[in-house]
Amino acid sequence: MNNLQELIQAHKGKRSYANLAEASDGQVKAASLQALATATGTAFPSVNTLQGIATALNLHINDVVLAAGRSAGLDTHPMPDVHDLNERVFYHQHHAATHKAQLAALRARIINPQEL
């Protein structure tokens, strides 16, 4: 899903906005749902509205929040995993040290070719 409008449209099905409002446990009104589903606004919905949308559409709140962020123009690419980054840094540091040692050995051979 690209944005909140598309998310609501894709999961609404044949239900009316009044039905969705009921399914939200009273957290969001039908008029608000319709406005969010049909307009391309940049205002970020309230926490209650986001939770109501998630409840009404039976979606995880993270999906709704990310869609609302995209609608508001936020870059919603996930942050990389810190542990994964640490592993990558260790891997590259280890290989860099190995390559430095190999480069030093090659330089020594170039400088002193008789030691072959």
N, C-alpha and C. Protein backbone atom coordinates (compact mmCIF):
# COMPACT_ATOMS: atom_id res chain seq x y z
N MET A 1 0.83 -1.18 0.00
CA MET A 1 0.00 0.00 0.00
C MET A 1 0.88 1.25 0.00
N ASN A 2 0.48 2.23 -0.78
CA ASN A 2 1.25 3.46 -0.84
C ASN A 2 0.86 4.45 0.24
N ASN A 3 -0.44 4.59 0.50
CA ASN A 3 -0.86 5.60 1.46
C ASN A 3 -2.14 5.16 2.16
N LEU A 4 -2.60 6.00 3.08
CA LEU A 4 -3.78 5.66 3.87
C LEU A 4 -5.02 5.54 3.01
N GLN A 5 -5.15 6.42 2.03
CA GLN A 5 -6.31 6.37 1.14
C GLN A 5 -6.40 5.00 0.45
N GLU A 6 -5.29 4.55 -0.10
CA GLU A 6 -5.28 3.25 -0.80
C GLU A 6 -5.50 2.10 0.17
N LEU A 7 -4.96 2.20 1.37
CA LEU A 7 -5.12 1.15 2.37
C LEU A 7 -6.60 0.98 2.73
N ILE A 8 -7.27 2.08 2.99
CA ILE A 8 -8.69 2.02 3.34
C ILE A 8 -9.50 1.47 2.17
N GLN A 9 -9.25 1.99 0.97
CA GLN A 9 -9.99 1.53 -0.21
C GLN A 9 -9.79 0.03 -0.44
N ALA A 10 -8.56 -0.44 -0.26
CA ALA A 10 -8.25 -1.84 -0.52
C ALA A 10 -8.89 -2.79 0.49
N HIS A 11 -9.09 -2.33 1.73
CA HIS A 11 -9.61 -3.20 2.78
C HIS A 11 -11.07 -2.93 3.15
N LYS A 12 -11.65 -1.93 2.56
CA LYS A 12 -13.04 -1.56 2.88
C LYS A 12 -14.01 -2.62 2.37
N GLY A 13 -13.73 -3.14 1.21
CA GLY A 13 -14.64 -4.10 0.62
C GLY A 13 -15.96 -3.43 0.26
N LYS A 14 -17.06 -4.12 0.50
CA LYS A 14 -18.38 -3.59 0.17
C LYS A 14 -19.03 -2.90 1.38
N ARG A 15 -18.28 -2.78 2.47
CA ARG A 15 -18.84 -2.16 3.67
C ARG A 15 -18.97 -0.66 3.48
N SER A 16 -20.00 -0.12 4.08
CA SER A 16 -20.19 1.33 4.05
C SER A 16 -19.27 1.96 5.08
N TYR A 17 -19.09 3.28 4.99
CA TYR A 17 -18.27 3.97 5.98
C TYR A 17 -18.94 3.92 7.35
N ALA A 18 -20.27 3.88 7.37
CA ALA A 18 -20.99 3.74 8.64
C ALA A 18 -20.69 2.38 9.27
N ASN A 19 -20.62 1.33 8.44
CA ASN A 19 -20.27 0.00 8.96
C ASN A 19 -18.85 -0.03 9.50
N LEU A 20 -17.95 0.64 8.79
CA LEU A 20 -16.56 0.70 9.27
C LEU A 20 -16.47 1.48 10.58
N ALA A 21 -17.25 2.55 10.69
CA ALA A 21 -17.24 3.34 11.92
C ALA A 21 -17.71 2.48 13.10
N GLU A 22 -18.74 1.67 12.88
CA GLU A 22 -19.21 0.75 13.92
C GLU A 22 -18.12 -0.26 14.27
N ALA A 23 -17.45 -0.77 13.25
CA ALA A 23 -16.39 -1.77 13.47
C ALA A 23 -15.18 -1.19 14.17
N SER A 24 -15.08 0.15 14.20
CA SER A 24 -13.93 0.79 14.84
C SER A 24 -14.14 0.96 16.34
N ASP A 25 -15.23 0.42 16.86
CA ASP A 25 -15.57 0.57 18.28
C ASP A 25 -15.73 2.02 18.67
N GLY A 26 -16.28 2.84 17.77
CA GLY A 26 -16.55 4.24 18.05
C GLY A 26 -15.33 5.15 18.06
N GLN A 27 -14.18 4.65 17.60
CA GLN A 27 -12.96 5.47 17.62
C GLN A 27 -12.87 6.44 16.45
N VAL A 28 -13.60 6.16 15.38
CA VAL A 28 -13.55 7.04 14.22
C VAL A 28 -14.95 7.13 13.61
N LYS A 29 -15.33 8.31 13.17
CA LYS A 29 -16.65 8.54 12.60
C LYS A 29 -16.65 8.20 11.12
N ALA A 30 -17.84 7.90 10.62
CA ALA A 30 -17.99 7.54 9.21
C ALA A 30 -17.52 8.66 8.30
N ALA A 31 -17.84 9.89 8.65
CA ALA A 31 -17.43 11.03 7.82
C ALA A 31 -15.91 11.16 7.77
N SER A 32 -15.25 10.89 8.89
CA SER A 32 -13.78 10.94 8.93
C SER A 32 -13.18 9.84 8.06
N LEU A 33 -13.74 8.65 8.16
CA LEU A 33 -13.25 7.54 7.33
C LEU A 33 -13.42 7.85 5.85
N GLN A 34 -14.57 8.39 5.49
CA GLN A 34 -14.82 8.72 4.09
C GLN A 34 -13.85 9.80 3.62
N ALA A 35 -13.62 10.81 4.45
CA ALA A 35 -12.69 11.88 4.07
C ALA A 35 -11.28 11.32 3.88
N LEU A 36 -10.86 10.46 4.78
CA LEU A 36 -9.51 9.87 4.67
C LEU A 36 -9.39 8.95 3.46
N ALA A 37 -10.49 8.28 3.12
CA ALA A 37 -10.46 7.33 2.01
C ALA A 37 -10.60 7.97 0.64
N THR A 38 -11.12 9.18 0.61
CA THR A 38 -11.38 9.78 -0.70
C THR A 38 -10.57 11.04 -0.98
N ALA A 39 -10.02 11.66 0.04
CA ALA A 39 -9.24 12.88 -0.14
C ALA A 39 -7.76 12.58 0.00
N THR A 40 -6.94 13.40 -0.59
CA THR A 40 -5.50 13.23 -0.46
C THR A 40 -4.96 14.35 0.42
N GLY A 41 -5.22 14.24 1.70
CA GLY A 41 -4.77 15.26 2.65
C GLY A 41 -3.38 14.94 3.16
N THR A 42 -2.79 15.91 3.82
CA THR A 42 -1.47 15.70 4.39
C THR A 42 -1.49 15.74 5.92
N ALA A 43 -2.68 15.97 6.50
CA ALA A 43 -2.77 15.99 7.96
C ALA A 43 -2.63 14.58 8.50
N PHE A 44 -1.86 14.45 9.55
CA PHE A 44 -1.65 13.14 10.16
C PHE A 44 -2.79 12.88 11.13
N PRO A 45 -3.52 11.76 10.97
CA PRO A 45 -4.66 11.47 11.85
C PRO A 45 -4.23 11.28 13.30
N SER A 46 -5.19 11.44 14.19
CA SER A 46 -4.92 11.24 15.62
C SER A 46 -4.67 9.77 15.90
N VAL A 47 -4.13 9.52 17.08
CA VAL A 47 -3.86 8.15 17.50
C VAL A 47 -5.16 7.34 17.55
N ASN A 48 -6.23 7.94 18.08
CA ASN A 48 -7.51 7.23 18.15
C ASN A 48 -8.04 6.90 16.76
N THR A 49 -7.88 7.83 15.82
CA THR A 49 -8.32 7.57 14.45
C THR A 49 -7.53 6.43 13.83
N LEU A 50 -6.22 6.45 14.01
CA LEU A 50 -5.38 5.38 13.46
C LEU A 50 -5.75 4.03 14.06
N GLN A 51 -5.95 4.00 15.38
CA GLN A 51 -6.32 2.75 16.03
C GLN A 51 -7.70 2.29 15.56
N GLY A 52 -8.62 3.24 15.39
CA GLY A 52 -9.95 2.88 14.89
C GLY A 52 -9.92 2.31 13.49
N ILE A 53 -9.09 2.88 12.64
CA ILE A 53 -8.94 2.35 11.28
C ILE A 53 -8.38 0.94 11.32
N ALA A 54 -7.37 0.74 12.13
CA ALA A 54 -6.77 -0.59 12.26
C ALA A 54 -7.81 -1.60 12.75
N THR A 55 -8.59 -1.21 13.74
CA THR A 55 -9.63 -2.10 14.28
C THR A 55 -10.69 -2.39 13.23
N ALA A 56 -11.18 -1.34 12.58
CA ALA A 56 -12.26 -1.50 11.59
C ALA A 56 -11.84 -2.35 10.41
N LEU A 57 -10.59 -2.20 9.99
CA LEU A 57 -10.11 -2.93 8.80
C LEU A 57 -9.41 -4.23 9.17
N ASN A 58 -9.31 -4.50 10.48
CA ASN A 58 -8.64 -5.71 10.97
C ASN A 58 -7.20 -5.78 10.47
N LEU A 59 -6.49 -4.66 10.66
CA LEU A 59 -5.10 -4.56 10.25
C LEU A 59 -4.22 -4.28 11.45
N HIS A 60 -2.94 -4.58 11.33
CA HIS A 60 -1.99 -4.24 12.39
C HIS A 60 -1.79 -2.73 12.39
N ILE A 61 -1.69 -2.15 13.56
CA ILE A 61 -1.55 -0.71 13.69
C ILE A 61 -0.32 -0.18 12.94
N ASN A 62 0.75 -0.97 12.88
CA ASN A 62 1.95 -0.54 12.16
C ASN A 62 1.65 -0.25 10.69
N ASP A 63 0.83 -1.09 10.07
CA ASP A 63 0.50 -0.89 8.66
C ASP A 63 -0.27 0.42 8.46
N VAL A 64 -1.17 0.71 9.40
CA VAL A 64 -1.98 1.93 9.30
C VAL A 64 -1.11 3.17 9.53
N VAL A 65 -0.25 3.11 10.53
CA VAL A 65 0.62 4.25 10.85
C VAL A 65 1.57 4.53 9.69
N LEU A 66 2.16 3.49 9.11
CA LEU A 66 3.06 3.68 7.98
C LEU A 66 2.33 4.28 6.77
N ALA A 67 1.11 3.80 6.52
CA ALA A 67 0.33 4.34 5.41
C ALA A 67 -0.01 5.81 5.66
N ALA A 68 -0.35 6.15 6.90
CA ALA A 68 -0.65 7.55 7.23
C ALA A 68 0.61 8.41 7.08
N GLY A 69 1.74 7.87 7.46
CA GLY A 69 3.00 8.59 7.29
C GLY A 69 3.30 8.87 5.83
N ARG A 70 3.09 7.86 4.99
CA ARG A 70 3.32 8.06 3.55
C ARG A 70 2.35 9.12 3.00
N SER A 71 1.09 9.10 3.48
CA SER A 71 0.12 10.11 3.05
C SER A 71 0.55 11.50 3.43
N ALA A 72 1.23 11.62 4.57
CA ALA A 72 1.69 12.92 5.05
C ALA A 72 3.03 13.31 4.44
N GLY A 73 3.58 12.47 3.58
CA GLY A 73 4.83 12.79 2.90
C GLY A 73 6.08 12.36 3.63
N LEU A 74 5.94 11.49 4.63
CA LEU A 74 7.11 11.02 5.37
C LEU A 74 7.78 9.86 4.64
N ASP A 75 9.08 9.77 4.78
CA ASP A 75 9.83 8.63 4.28
C ASP A 75 9.66 7.52 5.29
N THR A 76 8.99 6.46 4.91
CA THR A 76 8.66 5.41 5.87
C THR A 76 9.49 4.14 5.68
N HIS A 77 10.64 4.28 5.04
CA HIS A 77 11.50 3.11 4.89
C HIS A 77 11.96 2.68 6.27
N PRO A 78 11.93 1.38 6.54
CA PRO A 78 12.31 0.93 7.89
C PRO A 78 13.79 1.17 8.18
N MET A 79 14.07 1.42 9.44
CA MET A 79 15.46 1.57 9.87
C MET A 79 16.13 0.20 9.84
N PRO A 80 17.39 0.15 9.48
CA PRO A 80 18.08 -1.14 9.46
C PRO A 80 18.26 -1.67 10.88
N ASP A 81 18.36 -2.97 10.98
CA ASP A 81 18.56 -3.63 12.26
C ASP A 81 19.98 -3.33 12.75
N VAL A 82 20.11 -2.86 13.98
CA VAL A 82 21.40 -2.48 14.54
C VAL A 82 22.34 -3.69 14.63
N HIS A 83 21.81 -4.84 15.01
CA HIS A 83 22.65 -6.04 15.12
C HIS A 83 23.18 -6.45 13.75
N ASP A 84 22.33 -6.33 12.73
CA ASP A 84 22.76 -6.64 11.37
C ASP A 84 23.86 -5.69 10.92
N LEU A 85 23.71 -4.41 11.24
CA LEU A 85 24.74 -3.43 10.88
C LEU A 85 26.05 -3.73 11.60
N ASN A 86 25.99 -4.09 12.87
CA ASN A 86 27.20 -4.44 13.61
C ASN A 86 27.91 -5.64 12.99
N GLU A 87 27.13 -6.64 12.57
CA GLU A 87 27.71 -7.80 11.92
C GLU A 87 28.38 -7.42 10.60
N ARG A 88 27.74 -6.55 9.85
CA ARG A 88 28.31 -6.12 8.57
C ARG A 88 29.60 -5.34 8.79
N VAL A 89 29.61 -4.46 9.78
CA VAL A 89 30.83 -3.69 10.09
C VAL A 89 31.95 -4.63 10.49
N PHE A 90 31.66 -5.59 11.37
CA PHE A 90 32.68 -6.56 11.79
C PHE A 90 33.21 -7.33 10.58
N TYR A 91 32.31 -7.78 9.72
CA TYR A 91 32.70 -8.54 8.53
C TYR A 91 33.64 -7.72 7.65
N HIS A 92 33.27 -6.48 7.38
CA HIS A 92 34.10 -5.64 6.51
C HIS A 92 35.42 -5.26 7.18
N GLN A 93 35.39 -5.02 8.48
CA GLN A 93 36.64 -4.71 9.18
C GLN A 93 37.57 -5.92 9.14
N HIS A 94 37.03 -7.10 9.36
CA HIS A 94 37.84 -8.32 9.32
C HIS A 94 38.45 -8.52 7.93
N HIS A 95 37.63 -8.38 6.90
CA HIS A 95 38.14 -8.55 5.54
C HIS A 95 39.11 -7.45 5.16
N ALA A 96 38.88 -6.24 5.65
CA ALA A 96 39.81 -5.15 5.37
C ALA A 96 41.18 -5.46 5.97
N ALA A 97 41.19 -6.01 7.19
CA ALA A 97 42.46 -6.38 7.83
C ALA A 97 43.14 -7.49 7.03
N THR A 98 42.39 -8.45 6.56
CA THR A 98 42.95 -9.54 5.76
C THR A 98 43.53 -8.99 4.46
N HIS A 99 42.80 -8.11 3.81
CA HIS A 99 43.29 -7.54 2.55
C HIS A 99 44.52 -6.66 2.77
N LYS A 100 44.57 -5.95 3.88
CA LYS A 100 45.74 -5.14 4.19
C LYS A 100 46.97 -6.02 4.36
N ALA A 101 46.80 -7.15 5.02
CA ALA A 101 47.92 -8.08 5.21
C ALA A 101 48.37 -8.65 3.87
N GLN A 102 47.43 -9.02 3.01
CA GLN A 102 47.77 -9.54 1.69
C GLN A 102 48.47 -8.48 0.85
N LEU A 103 47.99 -7.24 0.92
CA LEU A 103 48.61 -6.15 0.19
C LEU A 103 50.03 -5.89 0.68
N ALA A 104 50.22 -5.94 1.98
CA ALA A 104 51.57 -5.75 2.54
C ALA A 104 52.50 -6.85 2.05
N ALA A 105 52.01 -8.09 1.99
CA ALA A 105 52.83 -9.20 1.50
C ALA A 105 53.19 -9.00 0.03
N LEU A 106 52.25 -8.55 -0.77
CA LEU A 106 52.53 -8.29 -2.19
C LEU A 106 53.54 -7.16 -2.36
N ARG A 107 53.40 -6.10 -1.56
CA ARG A 107 54.36 -5.01 -1.64
C ARG A 107 55.76 -5.48 -1.27
N ALA A 108 55.85 -6.32 -0.26
CA ALA A 108 57.15 -6.85 0.14
C ALA A 108 57.77 -7.66 -0.98
N ARG A 109 56.95 -8.43 -1.70
CA ARG A 109 57.46 -9.23 -2.81
C ARG A 109 57.94 -8.35 -3.95
N ILE A 110 57.26 -7.21 -4.16
CA ILE A 110 57.65 -6.30 -5.24
C ILE A 110 58.97 -5.62 -4.89
N ILE A 111 59.09 -5.22 -3.64
CA ILE A 111 60.29 -4.54 -3.20
C ILE A 111 61.49 -5.48 -3.15
N ASN A 112 61.26 -6.69 -2.68
CA ASN A 112 62.33 -7.69 -2.54
C ASN A 112 61.99 -8.92 -3.37
N PRO A 113 62.08 -8.90 -4.68
CA PRO A 113 61.69 -10.05 -5.50
C PRO A 113 62.59 -11.26 -5.30
N GLN A 114 63.82 -11.10 -4.75
CA GLN A 114 64.70 -12.26 -4.55
C GLN A 114 64.20 -13.17 -3.44
N GLU A 115 63.32 -12.71 -2.59
CA GLU A 115 62.86 -13.53 -1.46
C GLU A 115 61.78 -14.51 -1.89
N LEU A 116 61.49 -14.65 -3.15
CA LEU A 116 60.49 -15.59 -3.63
C LEU A 116 61.06 -16.95 -3.52
